[in-house]
Each structure stands twice: as C-alpha cells, then as structure tokens.
C-alpha cells in the first residue's frame, strides 16, 4: 500500500490548527509551535514541537493533544512528538505584534471619543 505522505502531513497540520495553547490563545500551527511534521513509508509520524520554556506546566497536555489529533488522520500508524526547542517562534511574535497594534489603535480611538 502506497502512502500519500503530503496528504497526511497537510491533514495533520489542519487537525493541529484545532489544538490551542491555552495560555496564549493561539493554535499550535499558526503560533509556530509545530516546527516539523514527517511521515515515513509505514505511516509513522514524527512531529517537532517547540515550547516557550522548558518549564512549561502544560507540556504533557500539549504533547497528548498533538498525538491525539494526529492519530485521527487516515494512514497514520504511530505518532512521536519530540520537543525540538524552546523560545518564542517568529510566527507568534508576528501575531503578538499585530494584536499589540490593534490594542494601540483601539486605545487611540477610545481617547478620541
């Protein structure tokens, strides 16, 4: 049986868009926390997950949520989530900058009224 790896990767990415970081309020894909998704010929999946800090209190919750979401994709046999680094992903920085700008605009509009 031939596995369509690119389809599996895209479906996993879409499923992971529903997994939110509850502390930050963004999904793990758009926030840049999912750094890689790899699928081998047997349907084994390796997902690289970045965390903001090595002391993240919800590490195991995030890992379990990522595994659970990925396992729902047809063709996935096993899922291995690996922590690949710590810090603020560039994608999250952009999101936060946009939210900050929106807040500044709202404050300025509030001052004018």
C-alpha atoms as a PDB file:
ATOM      1  CA  UNK A   1       0.000   0.000   0.000  1.00  0.00           C
ATOM      2  CA  UNK A   2       1.387   3.377  -1.043  1.00  0.00           C
ATOM      3  CA  UNK A   3       1.054   6.176   1.497  1.00  0.00           C
ATOM      4  CA  UNK A   4       0.374   9.731   0.324  1.00  0.00           C
ATOM      5  CA  UNK A   5       2.762  11.460   2.719  1.00  0.00           C
ATOM      6  CA  UNK A   6       1.981  15.009   1.597  1.00  0.00           C
ATOM      7  CA  UNK A   7      -1.764  14.444   2.130  1.00  0.00           C
ATOM      8  CA  UNK A   8      -1.117  13.037   5.589  1.00  0.00           C
ATOM      9  CA  UNK A   9       1.117  15.988   6.530  1.00  0.00           C
ATOM     10  CA  UNK A  10      -1.491  18.511   5.363  1.00  0.00           C
ATOM     11  CA  UNK A  11      -4.323  16.715   7.153  1.00  0.00           C
ATOM     12  CA  UNK A  12      -2.283  16.563  10.353  1.00  0.00           C
ATOM     13  CA  UNK A  13      -1.496  20.275  10.028  1.00  0.00           C
ATOM     14  CA  UNK A  14      -5.226  21.029   9.684  1.00  0.00           C
ATOM     15  CA  UNK A  15      -6.091  18.869  12.707  1.00  0.00           C
ATOM     16  CA  UNK A  16      -3.370  20.614  14.742  1.00  0.00           C
ATOM     17  CA  UNK A  17      -4.908  24.011  13.921  1.00  0.00           C
ATOM     18  CA  UNK A  18      -7.627  22.975  16.382  1.00  0.00           C
ATOM     19  CA  UNK A  19      -5.086  22.392  19.183  1.00  0.00           C
ATOM     20  CA  UNK A  20      -4.782  25.620  21.143  1.00  0.00           C
ATOM     21  CA  UNK A  21      -2.143  26.816  23.555  1.00  0.00           C
ATOM     22  CA  UNK A  22      -4.490  27.736  26.412  1.00  0.00           C
ATOM     23  CA  UNK A  23      -2.052  30.194  27.959  1.00  0.00           C
ATOM     24  CA  UNK A  24      -1.507  32.215  24.778  1.00  0.00           C
ATOM     25  CA  UNK A  25      -4.794  31.609  22.963  1.00  0.00           C
ATOM     26  CA  UNK A  26      -3.409  30.674  19.540  1.00  0.00           C
ATOM     27  CA  UNK A  27      -3.324  27.322  17.799  1.00  0.00           C
ATOM     28  CA  UNK A  28      -0.034  25.434  17.694  1.00  0.00           C
ATOM     29  CA  UNK A  29       0.353  25.647  13.905  1.00  0.00           C
ATOM     30  CA  UNK A  30      -0.277  29.369  13.381  1.00  0.00           C
ATOM     31  CA  UNK A  31       1.677  30.159  16.554  1.00  0.00           C
ATOM     32  CA  UNK A  32       4.711  28.395  15.082  1.00  0.00           C
ATOM     33  CA  UNK A  33       4.977  25.758  17.796  1.00  0.00           C
ATOM     34  CA  UNK A  34       4.752  22.899  15.272  1.00  0.00           C
ATOM     35  CA  UNK A  35       8.202  23.050  13.703  1.00  0.00           C
ATOM     36  CA  UNK A  36       8.052  19.891  11.581  1.00  0.00           C
ATOM     37  CA  UNK A  37       5.828  17.018  10.527  1.00  0.00           C
ATOM     38  CA  UNK A  38       7.464  13.969   8.948  1.00  0.00           C
ATOM     39  CA  UNK A  39       5.835  10.755   7.720  1.00  0.00           C
ATOM     40  CA  UNK A  40       7.688   7.587   6.786  1.00  0.00           C
ATOM     41  CA  UNK A  41       6.618   4.900   4.302  1.00  0.00           C
ATOM     42  CA  UNK A  42       4.783   2.905   7.003  1.00  0.00           C
ATOM     43  CA  UNK A  43       2.690   5.818   8.288  1.00  0.00           C
ATOM     44  CA  UNK A  44       4.810   6.568  11.336  1.00  0.00           C
ATOM     45  CA  UNK A  45       4.725  10.289  12.106  1.00  0.00           C
ATOM     46  CA  UNK A  46       7.308  12.448  13.845  1.00  0.00           C
ATOM     47  CA  UNK A  47       6.172  15.920  14.944  1.00  0.00           C
ATOM     48  CA  UNK A  48       8.647  18.529  16.147  1.00  0.00           C
ATOM     49  CA  UNK A  49       7.099  20.698  18.857  1.00  0.00           C
ATOM     50  CA  UNK A  50       8.613  23.913  20.214  1.00  0.00           C
ATOM     51  CA  UNK A  51       7.743  25.172  23.690  1.00  0.00           C
ATOM     52  CA  UNK A  52       8.160  28.678  25.078  1.00  0.00           C
ATOM     53  CA  UNK A  53      10.056  27.388  28.124  1.00  0.00           C
ATOM     54  CA  UNK A  54      11.499  24.099  29.382  1.00  0.00           C
ATOM     55  CA  UNK A  55       9.382  24.640  32.499  1.00  0.00           C
ATOM     56  CA  UNK A  56       6.076  24.744  30.616  1.00  0.00           C
ATOM     57  CA  UNK A  57       3.461  23.434  33.072  1.00  0.00           C
ATOM     58  CA  UNK A  58       1.275  22.002  30.298  1.00  0.00           C
ATOM     59  CA  UNK A  59       3.960  20.172  28.298  1.00  0.00           C
ATOM     60  CA  UNK A  60       2.330  16.763  28.701  1.00  0.00           C
ATOM     61  CA  UNK A  61      -1.124  18.131  27.883  1.00  0.00           C
ATOM     62  CA  UNK A  62       0.189  19.693  24.655  1.00  0.00           C
ATOM     63  CA  UNK A  63       2.047  16.514  23.664  1.00  0.00           C
ATOM     64  CA  UNK A  64      -1.028  14.352  24.329  1.00  0.00           C
ATOM     65  CA  UNK A  65      -3.262  16.769  22.378  1.00  0.00           C
ATOM     66  CA  UNK A  66      -0.882  16.757  19.395  1.00  0.00           C
ATOM     67  CA  UNK A  67      -0.644  12.952  19.415  1.00  0.00           C
ATOM     68  CA  UNK A  68      -4.400  12.548  19.704  1.00  0.00           C
ATOM     69  CA  UNK A  69      -5.116  14.961  16.843  1.00  0.00           C
ATOM     70  CA  UNK A  70      -2.528  13.394  14.532  1.00  0.00           C
ATOM     71  CA  UNK A  71      -3.754   9.850  15.186  1.00  0.00           C
ATOM     72  CA  UNK A  72      -7.189  10.742  13.782  1.00  0.00           C
ATOM     73  CA  UNK A  73      -5.737  11.147  10.268  1.00  0.00           C
ATOM     74  CA  UNK A  74      -6.257   8.160   7.981  1.00  0.00           C
ATOM     75  CA  UNK A  75      -2.985   6.383   7.231  1.00  0.00           C
ATOM     76  CA  UNK A  76      -1.253   7.369  10.470  1.00  0.00           C
ATOM     77  CA  UNK A  77       0.095   4.333  12.300  1.00  0.00           C
ATOM     78  CA  UNK A  78       2.151   5.805  15.166  1.00  0.00           C
ATOM     79  CA  UNK A  79       2.876   9.346  16.363  1.00  0.00           C
ATOM     80  CA  UNK A  80       6.029  10.507  18.112  1.00  0.00           C
ATOM     81  CA  UNK A  81       6.107  14.098  19.377  1.00  0.00           C
ATOM     82  CA  UNK A  82       9.575  15.456  20.089  1.00  0.00           C
ATOM     83  CA  UNK A  83      10.432  18.710  21.828  1.00  0.00           C
ATOM     84  CA  UNK A  84      12.779  20.439  19.367  1.00  0.00           C
ATOM     85  CA  UNK A  85      13.468  23.696  21.156  1.00  0.00           C
ATOM     86  CA  UNK A  86      12.384  26.456  23.466  1.00  0.00           C
ATOM     87  CA  UNK A  87      11.577  30.107  22.877  1.00  0.00           C
ATOM     88  CA  UNK A  88       9.139  32.378  21.105  1.00  0.00           C
ATOM     89  CA  UNK A  89       8.560  31.267  17.499  1.00  0.00           C
ATOM     90  CA  UNK A  90       8.775  34.069  14.885  1.00  0.00           C
ATOM     91  CA  UNK A  91       5.183  33.310  13.848  1.00  0.00           C
ATOM     92  CA  UNK A  92       3.989  34.006  17.389  1.00  0.00           C
ATOM     93  CA  UNK A  93       5.981  37.247  17.515  1.00  0.00           C
ATOM     94  CA  UNK A  94       4.135  38.456  14.398  1.00  0.00           C
ATOM     95  CA  UNK A  95       0.751  37.509  15.862  1.00  0.00           C
ATOM     96  CA  UNK A  96       1.518  39.311  19.114  1.00  0.00           C
ATOM     97  CA  UNK A  97       2.771  42.405  17.262  1.00  0.00           C
ATOM     98  CA  UNK A  98      -0.488  42.539  15.288  1.00  0.00           C
ATOM     99  CA  UNK A  99      -2.558  42.205  18.471  1.00  0.00           C
ATOM    100  CA  UNK A 100      -0.484  44.920  20.133  1.00  0.00           C
ATOM    101  CA  UNK A 101      -1.043  47.274  17.180  1.00  0.00           C
ATOM    102  CA  UNK A 102      -4.783  46.574  17.300  1.00  0.00           C
ATOM    103  CA  UNK A 103      -4.811  47.402  21.005  1.00  0.00           C
ATOM    104  CA  UNK A 104      -2.980  50.681  20.375  1.00  0.00           C
ATOM    105  CA  UNK A 105      -5.451  51.663  17.659  1.00  0.00           C
ATOM    106  CA  UNK A 106      -8.373  50.829  19.962  1.00  0.00           C
ATOM    107  CA  UNK A 107      -6.832  52.920  22.750  1.00  0.00           C
ATOM    108  CA  UNK A 108      -6.342  55.867  20.413  1.00  0.00           C
ATOM    109  CA  UNK A 109      -9.940  55.609  19.193  1.00  0.00           C
ATOM    110  CA  UNK A 110     -11.142  55.455  22.790  1.00  0.00           C
ATOM    111  CA  UNK A 111      -9.203  58.615  23.621  1.00  0.00           C
ATOM    112  CA  UNK A 112     -10.849  60.449  20.715  1.00  0.00           C
ATOM    113  CA  UNK A 113     -14.374  59.728  21.960  1.00  0.00           C
END
